Amino acid sequence: MRFKGLRVLTRKLLHKMGFGVWKLRSAEIINFYNYLYVLSRLNGSVTYFQIGAHDGILVDPLRDFILDNPEIIRGVQIEPDPVQFKELKNNYASFPNIVQLNFAIHNQLQVAKMYRVKKAAISTNTSEWSGITSMQPDHWRKTAGIKKVDIEEFEVNCITLVDAIEAGGMGIPDIIIIDTEGYDYQILVELDLAKYRPKIIRFEHGIASGTMTANELQILIGKFNAFGYQVIVEQNDATAVENSFIFGVFG
């Protein structure tokens, strides 16, 4: 408990200086969590748009920041799975500035088929299986231990990213986070960065598991660079950061 108290105190002190403390997955010093603290220091607030929010807890890159800074953050969480959406609503019931939408993001379809692991196949030891819901019928094959009999199909209403941003009523957010288990590339390659220009975009590339190809990631990096973003690639995720934001911090 003594060490936990010291960590909390350290985080609060660094927060006042515009930085946070986070467990790094690599040798990088500048990381997504610190971006959140720098953004809050510069703006006094943080707005975000999260596609594939799941229950808002499992492997969620914003959860700790939200718990530490509920008064300065506003957001829209999108989750297509009605089972996880119910959990998401419950988990954020005490955050009036964060709203939830039960849609899938798709560039063309109004209704889509999705595939998830059946509840009966998920145990406490495999809780992460609830987070692999995808529009790809065979996406489950990328996770060891899952069998075809464990998968069920369901339908979900779809909305475009642009329409979802408009429906959120928040304007262009500071941050867009995307984790769709296989549809991130399609969303980002169609995003009009000349009109919809967040400061930070975080997405899952999942090259090691085949979620996105190396060529698709290179296409996205080229697009981001052309519109004035730098891209930091991690083991499974990538973060595109607008140049003006970087210059504002280090300039």
Protein backbone atom coordinates (compact mmCIF):
# COMPACT_ATOMS: atom_id res chain seq x y z
CA MET A 1 0.00 0.00 0.00
CA ARG A 2 2.93 2.34 0.79
CA PHE A 3 4.39 1.87 -2.70
CA LYS A 4 0.99 2.31 -4.31
CA GLY A 5 0.58 5.62 -2.48
CA LEU A 6 3.99 6.74 -3.70
CA ARG A 7 3.05 5.91 -7.32
CA VAL A 8 -0.18 7.89 -7.01
CA LEU A 9 1.67 10.87 -5.55
CA THR A 10 4.35 10.71 -8.27
CA ARG A 11 1.72 10.58 -10.99
CA LYS A 12 -0.12 13.59 -9.56
CA LEU A 13 3.09 15.62 -9.32
CA LEU A 14 4.07 14.82 -12.90
CA HIS A 15 0.56 15.56 -14.06
CA LYS A 16 0.95 19.13 -12.80
CA MET A 17 4.00 19.42 -15.07
CA GLY A 18 2.10 17.97 -18.02
CA PHE A 19 3.34 14.38 -17.93
CA GLY A 20 2.10 11.02 -16.75
CA VAL A 21 3.67 7.75 -15.66
CA TRP A 22 3.01 4.58 -17.61
CA LYS A 23 4.50 1.16 -18.11
CA LEU A 24 6.34 1.35 -21.42
CA ARG A 25 6.04 -1.54 -23.85
CA SER A 26 9.25 -0.48 -25.57
CA ALA A 27 12.18 1.86 -25.14
CA GLU A 28 10.21 4.88 -26.28
CA ILE A 29 10.08 7.82 -23.89
CA ILE A 30 7.23 9.61 -25.60
CA ASN A 31 4.16 7.38 -25.46
CA PHE A 32 0.41 7.60 -25.89
CA TYR A 33 -0.34 7.97 -22.19
CA ASN A 34 2.00 10.94 -21.86
CA TYR A 35 0.38 12.53 -24.89
CA LEU A 36 -2.88 12.56 -22.94
CA TYR A 37 -1.32 14.49 -20.08
CA VAL A 38 0.44 16.94 -22.38
CA LEU A 39 -2.81 17.50 -24.27
CA SER A 40 -4.71 18.13 -21.04
CA ARG A 41 -2.07 20.65 -19.97
CA LEU A 42 -2.16 22.52 -23.28
CA ASN A 43 -5.95 22.51 -23.76
CA GLY A 44 -7.25 22.23 -20.23
CA SER A 45 -9.45 19.38 -21.48
CA VAL A 46 -9.40 16.29 -23.68
CA THR A 47 -12.05 15.11 -26.16
CA TYR A 48 -11.95 11.68 -27.73
CA PHE A 49 -13.79 9.35 -30.07
CA GLN A 50 -13.35 5.61 -29.50
CA ILE A 51 -14.35 2.99 -32.07
CA GLY A 52 -14.52 -0.52 -30.66
CA ALA A 53 -14.72 0.48 -26.99
CA HIS A 54 -15.67 -3.05 -25.81
CA ASP A 55 -16.61 -2.76 -22.11
CA GLY A 56 -14.42 0.30 -21.59
CA ILE A 57 -12.08 -1.61 -19.28
CA LEU A 58 -10.44 -4.57 -21.05
CA VAL A 59 -7.12 -3.40 -22.55
CA ASP A 60 -8.51 0.13 -22.78
CA PRO A 61 -5.79 2.77 -23.40
CA LEU A 62 -7.89 5.57 -21.88
CA ARG A 63 -9.34 3.92 -18.79
CA ASP A 64 -6.71 4.98 -16.25
CA PHE A 65 -6.55 8.53 -17.60
CA ILE A 66 -10.33 8.87 -17.40
CA LEU A 67 -10.40 7.62 -13.81
CA ASP A 68 -7.67 10.09 -12.86
CA ASN A 69 -9.16 13.06 -14.77
CA PRO A 70 -12.96 12.67 -15.04
CA GLU A 71 -13.63 16.39 -14.85
CA ILE A 72 -11.64 17.36 -17.97
CA ILE A 73 -12.49 14.60 -20.43
CA ARG A 74 -15.41 14.28 -22.85
CA GLY A 75 -15.87 11.37 -25.19
CA VAL A 76 -17.96 9.22 -27.48
CA GLN A 77 -17.59 5.44 -27.22
CA ILE A 78 -18.81 3.20 -30.03
CA GLU A 79 -19.32 -0.51 -29.45
CA PRO A 80 -21.25 -2.76 -31.89
CA ASP A 81 -21.71 -5.86 -29.71
CA PRO A 82 -24.92 -5.34 -27.68
CA VAL A 83 -23.62 -7.60 -24.89
CA GLN A 84 -20.45 -5.55 -24.42
CA PHE A 85 -22.35 -2.33 -25.05
CA LYS A 86 -24.51 -3.03 -22.00
CA GLU A 87 -21.37 -3.52 -19.90
CA LEU A 88 -19.89 -0.34 -21.37
CA LYS A 89 -22.96 1.68 -20.40
CA ASN A 90 -22.84 0.31 -16.87
CA ASN A 91 -19.12 0.94 -16.47
CA TYR A 92 -19.46 4.59 -17.52
CA ALA A 93 -22.81 5.39 -15.93
CA SER A 94 -21.12 7.82 -13.54
CA PHE A 95 -19.40 9.76 -16.34
CA PRO A 96 -22.01 12.12 -17.82
CA ASN A 97 -19.53 13.63 -20.28
CA ILE A 98 -18.93 10.27 -21.97
CA VAL A 99 -21.69 8.91 -24.21
CA GLN A 100 -22.09 5.52 -25.87
CA LEU A 101 -23.38 4.57 -29.33
CA ASN A 102 -24.35 1.01 -30.26
CA PHE A 103 -23.19 0.89 -33.89
CA ALA A 104 -20.44 -0.55 -36.03
CA ILE A 105 -18.40 1.80 -38.20
CA HIS A 106 -18.53 0.88 -41.88
CA ASN A 107 -17.84 2.92 -45.00
CA GLN A 108 -20.72 1.50 -47.06
CA LEU A 109 -22.98 -0.94 -45.22
CA GLN A 110 -26.02 0.00 -43.16
CA VAL A 111 -26.25 -3.45 -41.57
CA ALA A 112 -23.33 -5.85 -41.16
CA LYS A 113 -22.74 -9.36 -39.89
CA MET A 114 -20.27 -9.70 -37.05
CA TYR A 115 -18.72 -12.68 -35.29
CA ARG A 116 -18.01 -13.09 -31.58
CA VAL A 117 -17.07 -15.80 -29.11
CA LYS A 118 -20.08 -17.32 -27.39
CA LYS A 119 -20.47 -16.38 -23.74
CA ALA A 120 -20.38 -20.05 -22.73
CA ALA A 121 -16.88 -20.39 -24.20
CA ILE A 122 -15.46 -17.44 -22.24
CA SER A 123 -14.06 -18.07 -18.77
CA THR A 124 -12.13 -15.89 -16.34
CA ASN A 125 -8.93 -17.25 -17.89
CA THR A 126 -9.97 -16.31 -21.41
CA SER A 127 -11.80 -13.03 -20.79
CA GLU A 128 -9.82 -11.40 -23.59
CA TRP A 129 -11.75 -13.58 -26.03
CA SER A 130 -14.72 -11.26 -25.54
CA GLY A 131 -12.65 -8.55 -27.24
CA ILE A 132 -12.10 -10.19 -30.63
CA THR A 133 -15.52 -9.47 -32.12
CA SER A 134 -14.99 -8.76 -35.81
CA MET A 135 -16.63 -8.37 -39.21
CA GLN A 136 -14.17 -10.95 -40.52
CA PRO A 137 -15.70 -14.47 -40.26
CA ASP A 138 -12.30 -16.09 -39.67
CA HIS A 139 -10.76 -13.47 -37.39
CA TRP A 140 -11.11 -15.83 -34.42
CA ARG A 141 -8.47 -18.13 -35.97
CA LYS A 142 -5.80 -15.59 -35.01
CA THR A 143 -6.37 -16.34 -31.30
CA ALA A 144 -5.06 -19.64 -29.97
CA GLY A 145 -7.54 -21.96 -28.30
CA ILE A 146 -10.75 -20.80 -29.99
CA LYS A 147 -12.71 -23.33 -32.02
CA LYS A 148 -15.23 -22.68 -34.78
CA VAL A 149 -17.99 -24.09 -32.58
CA ASP A 150 -17.25 -21.28 -30.10
CA ILE A 151 -18.23 -18.57 -32.63
CA GLU A 152 -21.65 -17.05 -33.17
CA GLU A 153 -22.92 -14.57 -35.73
CA PHE A 154 -25.02 -11.48 -35.10
CA GLU A 155 -26.16 -8.43 -37.04
CA VAL A 156 -25.48 -4.82 -36.15
CA ASN A 157 -26.51 -1.45 -37.54
CA CYS A 158 -23.69 0.52 -39.16
CA ILE A 159 -22.80 4.18 -39.47
CA THR A 160 -19.93 5.95 -41.21
CA LEU A 161 -17.22 7.57 -39.14
CA VAL A 162 -18.20 11.02 -40.38
CA ASP A 163 -21.86 10.46 -39.47
CA ALA A 164 -20.82 9.11 -36.07
CA ILE A 165 -18.70 12.19 -35.37
CA GLU A 166 -21.65 14.39 -36.29
CA ALA A 167 -23.99 12.29 -34.12
CA GLY A 168 -21.61 12.63 -31.20
CA GLY A 169 -22.23 16.38 -31.15
CA MET A 170 -18.71 17.08 -29.94
CA GLY A 171 -17.12 18.45 -33.09
CA ILE A 172 -13.76 17.11 -34.25
CA PRO A 173 -12.23 15.32 -31.25
CA ASP A 174 -8.66 15.73 -30.05
CA ILE A 175 -8.16 11.97 -30.21
CA ILE A 176 -9.58 9.13 -32.31
CA ILE A 177 -8.92 5.58 -31.09
CA ILE A 178 -9.77 2.64 -33.36
CA ASP A 179 -9.76 -1.05 -32.46
CA THR A 180 -12.13 -2.94 -34.73
CA GLU A 181 -10.33 -6.29 -34.99
CA GLY A 182 -9.71 -6.03 -38.70
CA TYR A 183 -11.44 -2.92 -40.12
CA ASP A 184 -9.06 -0.18 -38.94
CA TYR A 185 -7.34 0.18 -42.30
CA GLN A 186 -10.59 0.62 -44.23
CA ILE A 187 -11.77 3.33 -41.85
CA LEU A 188 -8.51 5.27 -41.87
CA VAL A 189 -7.79 5.05 -45.58
CA GLU A 190 -11.15 6.75 -46.24
CA LEU A 191 -10.86 9.38 -43.49
CA ASP A 192 -10.70 12.92 -44.89
CA LEU A 193 -7.82 14.37 -42.89
CA ALA A 194 -8.16 17.71 -44.64
CA LYS A 195 -11.56 18.16 -42.96
CA TYR A 196 -11.47 15.86 -39.93
CA ARG A 197 -8.12 16.44 -38.29
CA PRO A 198 -7.68 15.18 -34.73
CA LYS A 199 -4.40 15.81 -32.97
CA ILE A 200 -3.85 12.12 -32.24
CA ILE A 201 -5.06 8.95 -33.96
CA ARG A 202 -4.33 5.58 -32.36
CA PHE A 203 -5.13 2.35 -34.17
CA GLU A 204 -4.35 -1.36 -34.20
CA HIS A 205 -2.18 -2.62 -37.04
CA GLY A 206 -1.70 -6.17 -35.71
CA ILE A 207 0.77 -7.06 -38.45
CA ALA A 208 2.15 -10.01 -36.50
CA SER A 209 -1.27 -11.69 -36.48
CA GLY A 210 -2.30 -10.56 -39.96
CA THR A 211 -4.90 -8.03 -38.82
CA MET A 212 -3.33 -5.51 -41.21
CA THR A 213 -0.68 -6.11 -43.87
CA ALA A 214 2.68 -4.36 -43.85
CA ASN A 215 1.74 -2.73 -47.16
CA GLU A 216 -1.52 -1.37 -45.69
CA LEU A 217 0.37 0.09 -42.75
CA GLN A 218 2.84 1.75 -45.13
CA ILE A 219 -0.05 3.24 -47.10
CA LEU A 220 -1.49 4.70 -43.91
CA ILE A 221 1.88 6.05 -42.79
CA GLY A 222 2.31 7.70 -46.20
CA LYS A 223 -1.14 9.25 -45.92
CA PHE A 224 -0.53 10.54 -42.40
CA ASN A 225 2.86 11.98 -43.38
CA ALA A 226 1.30 13.73 -46.37
CA PHE A 227 -1.22 15.43 -44.07
CA GLY A 228 1.35 16.51 -41.50
CA TYR A 229 1.39 13.65 -39.01
CA GLN A 230 4.25 11.64 -37.57
CA VAL A 231 3.59 7.96 -36.86
CA ILE A 232 4.96 5.94 -33.96
CA VAL A 233 4.67 2.19 -34.58
CA GLU A 234 4.56 -0.16 -31.61
CA GLN A 235 4.35 -3.94 -31.49
CA ASN A 236 0.62 -4.14 -32.14
CA ASP A 237 -0.58 -0.54 -32.36
CA ALA A 238 0.41 2.73 -34.00
CA THR A 239 -0.13 6.37 -33.07
CA ALA A 240 -0.29 9.20 -35.60
CA VAL A 241 0.45 12.60 -34.02
CA GLU A 242 -0.16 15.91 -35.77
CA ASN A 243 3.02 17.92 -36.38
CA SER A 244 1.58 21.12 -34.93
CA PHE A 245 0.83 19.30 -31.68
CA ILE A 246 4.39 17.96 -31.51
CA PHE A 247 5.86 21.41 -32.28
CA GLY A 248 3.60 22.96 -29.64
CA VAL A 249 5.02 20.60 -27.06
CA PHE A 250 8.69 20.63 -28.04
CA GLY A 251 8.98 23.80 -30.09
